[in-house]
């Protein structure tokens, strides 16, 4: 059963506050992201793809994007520079 846009937005708000290590990420990707100050899911989800690639490299940025999608955590519609 599909959920409403408002319900999805509220769920994303909760997910954005969750720690990044709640995601099933490679240890190196998680460590690198945390070293650079990405501690919450929302920080990654809302960051422009170009910023993530510059900070983490293309492979790790793609892993983050893929894992977010696996959990149903789409990037905001107005997020610039989606991969």
C-alpha atoms as a PDB file:
ATOM      1  CA  UNK A   1       0.000   0.000   0.000  1.00  0.00           C
ATOM      2  CA  UNK A   2       1.512   3.360  -0.985  1.00  0.00           C
ATOM      3  CA  UNK A   3       1.972   6.001   1.674  1.00  0.00           C
ATOM      4  CA  UNK A   4       1.164   9.677   1.318  1.00  0.00           C
ATOM      5  CA  UNK A   5       3.763  12.283   0.477  1.00  0.00           C
ATOM      6  CA  UNK A   6       3.354  13.824   3.958  1.00  0.00           C
ATOM      7  CA  UNK A   7       3.882  10.491   5.694  1.00  0.00           C
ATOM      8  CA  UNK A   8       6.967   9.805   3.592  1.00  0.00           C
ATOM      9  CA  UNK A   9       8.333  13.271   4.438  1.00  0.00           C
ATOM     10  CA  UNK A  10       7.847  12.622   8.162  1.00  0.00           C
ATOM     11  CA  UNK A  11       9.587   9.253   7.889  1.00  0.00           C
ATOM     12  CA  UNK A  12      12.494  10.853   6.040  1.00  0.00           C
ATOM     13  CA  UNK A  13      12.775  13.471   8.747  1.00  0.00           C
ATOM     14  CA  UNK A  14      13.178  10.713  11.322  1.00  0.00           C
ATOM     15  CA  UNK A  15      15.634   8.793   9.142  1.00  0.00           C
ATOM     16  CA  UNK A  16      17.689  11.936   8.547  1.00  0.00           C
ATOM     17  CA  UNK A  17      18.333  12.154  12.285  1.00  0.00           C
ATOM     18  CA  UNK A  18      19.621   8.565  12.495  1.00  0.00           C
ATOM     19  CA  UNK A  19      23.360   7.943  12.758  1.00  0.00           C
ATOM     20  CA  UNK A  20      25.132   7.069   9.531  1.00  0.00           C
ATOM     21  CA  UNK A  21      26.395   3.828  11.025  1.00  0.00           C
ATOM     22  CA  UNK A  22      22.794   2.559  11.027  1.00  0.00           C
ATOM     23  CA  UNK A  23      23.293   1.892   7.299  1.00  0.00           C
ATOM     24  CA  UNK A  24      24.966  -1.246   5.966  1.00  0.00           C
ATOM     25  CA  UNK A  25      28.102   0.435   4.652  1.00  0.00           C
ATOM     26  CA  UNK A  26      31.600  -0.800   3.994  1.00  0.00           C
ATOM     27  CA  UNK A  27      33.770  -0.044   7.046  1.00  0.00           C
ATOM     28  CA  UNK A  28      36.128   2.146   5.021  1.00  0.00           C
ATOM     29  CA  UNK A  29      33.278   4.160   3.556  1.00  0.00           C
ATOM     30  CA  UNK A  30      31.744   4.697   6.984  1.00  0.00           C
ATOM     31  CA  UNK A  31      35.070   5.637   8.579  1.00  0.00           C
ATOM     32  CA  UNK A  32      35.928   8.084   5.797  1.00  0.00           C
ATOM     33  CA  UNK A  33      32.483   9.687   5.893  1.00  0.00           C
ATOM     34  CA  UNK A  34      32.609  10.103   9.667  1.00  0.00           C
ATOM     35  CA  UNK A  35      36.137  11.537   9.490  1.00  0.00           C
ATOM     36  CA  UNK A  36      34.785  14.200   7.138  1.00  0.00           C
ATOM     37  CA  UNK A  37      31.902  15.028   9.482  1.00  0.00           C
ATOM     38  CA  UNK A  38      29.085  13.031   7.887  1.00  0.00           C
ATOM     39  CA  UNK A  39      27.556  11.576  11.038  1.00  0.00           C
ATOM     40  CA  UNK A  40      23.840  11.561  10.219  1.00  0.00           C
ATOM     41  CA  UNK A  41      21.937  10.009   7.328  1.00  0.00           C
ATOM     42  CA  UNK A  42      20.421  13.404   6.515  1.00  0.00           C
ATOM     43  CA  UNK A  43      23.856  14.966   6.039  1.00  0.00           C
ATOM     44  CA  UNK A  44      24.597  12.461   3.283  1.00  0.00           C
ATOM     45  CA  UNK A  45      21.104  12.389   1.810  1.00  0.00           C
ATOM     46  CA  UNK A  46      20.985  16.167   1.437  1.00  0.00           C
ATOM     47  CA  UNK A  47      24.561  16.705   0.237  1.00  0.00           C
ATOM     48  CA  UNK A  48      25.028  17.397  -3.464  1.00  0.00           C
ATOM     49  CA  UNK A  49      26.406  14.387  -5.327  1.00  0.00           C
ATOM     50  CA  UNK A  50      29.384  16.447  -6.506  1.00  0.00           C
ATOM     51  CA  UNK A  51      30.268  17.266  -2.884  1.00  0.00           C
ATOM     52  CA  UNK A  52      30.112  13.590  -1.875  1.00  0.00           C
ATOM     53  CA  UNK A  53      32.284  12.606  -4.870  1.00  0.00           C
ATOM     54  CA  UNK A  54      34.806  15.334  -4.021  1.00  0.00           C
ATOM     55  CA  UNK A  55      34.896  14.362  -0.352  1.00  0.00           C
ATOM     56  CA  UNK A  56      34.724  10.577  -0.598  1.00  0.00           C
ATOM     57  CA  UNK A  57      35.628   9.638  -4.148  1.00  0.00           C
ATOM     58  CA  UNK A  58      33.300   8.289  -6.812  1.00  0.00           C
ATOM     59  CA  UNK A  59      33.198   4.683  -5.551  1.00  0.00           C
ATOM     60  CA  UNK A  60      32.335   5.532  -1.950  1.00  0.00           C
ATOM     61  CA  UNK A  61      29.830   8.230  -2.984  1.00  0.00           C
ATOM     62  CA  UNK A  62      28.103   5.692  -5.249  1.00  0.00           C
ATOM     63  CA  UNK A  63      27.989   3.168  -2.395  1.00  0.00           C
ATOM     64  CA  UNK A  64      26.299   5.730  -0.137  1.00  0.00           C
ATOM     65  CA  UNK A  65      23.781   6.613  -2.835  1.00  0.00           C
ATOM     66  CA  UNK A  66      23.030   2.928  -3.536  1.00  0.00           C
ATOM     67  CA  UNK A  67      22.572   2.072   0.144  1.00  0.00           C
ATOM     68  CA  UNK A  68      20.260   5.043   0.665  1.00  0.00           C
ATOM     69  CA  UNK A  69      18.125   3.857  -2.244  1.00  0.00           C
ATOM     70  CA  UNK A  70      18.075   0.304  -0.863  1.00  0.00           C
ATOM     71  CA  UNK A  71      16.559   1.720   2.331  1.00  0.00           C
ATOM     72  CA  UNK A  72      14.072   3.810   0.340  1.00  0.00           C
ATOM     73  CA  UNK A  73      15.758   7.078   1.277  1.00  0.00           C
ATOM     74  CA  UNK A  74      15.553   9.083  -1.909  1.00  0.00           C
ATOM     75  CA  UNK A  75      17.426  12.326  -2.320  1.00  0.00           C
ATOM     76  CA  UNK A  76      15.277  15.447  -2.063  1.00  0.00           C
ATOM     77  CA  UNK A  77      13.637  16.375  -5.377  1.00  0.00           C
ATOM     78  CA  UNK A  78      15.354  19.760  -5.289  1.00  0.00           C
ATOM     79  CA  UNK A  79      18.789  18.363  -4.372  1.00  0.00           C
ATOM     80  CA  UNK A  80      21.273  19.629  -6.878  1.00  0.00           C
ATOM     81  CA  UNK A  81      23.527  17.446  -8.910  1.00  0.00           C
ATOM     82  CA  UNK A  82      22.002  13.987  -8.459  1.00  0.00           C
ATOM     83  CA  UNK A  83      24.136  11.142  -9.844  1.00  0.00           C
END
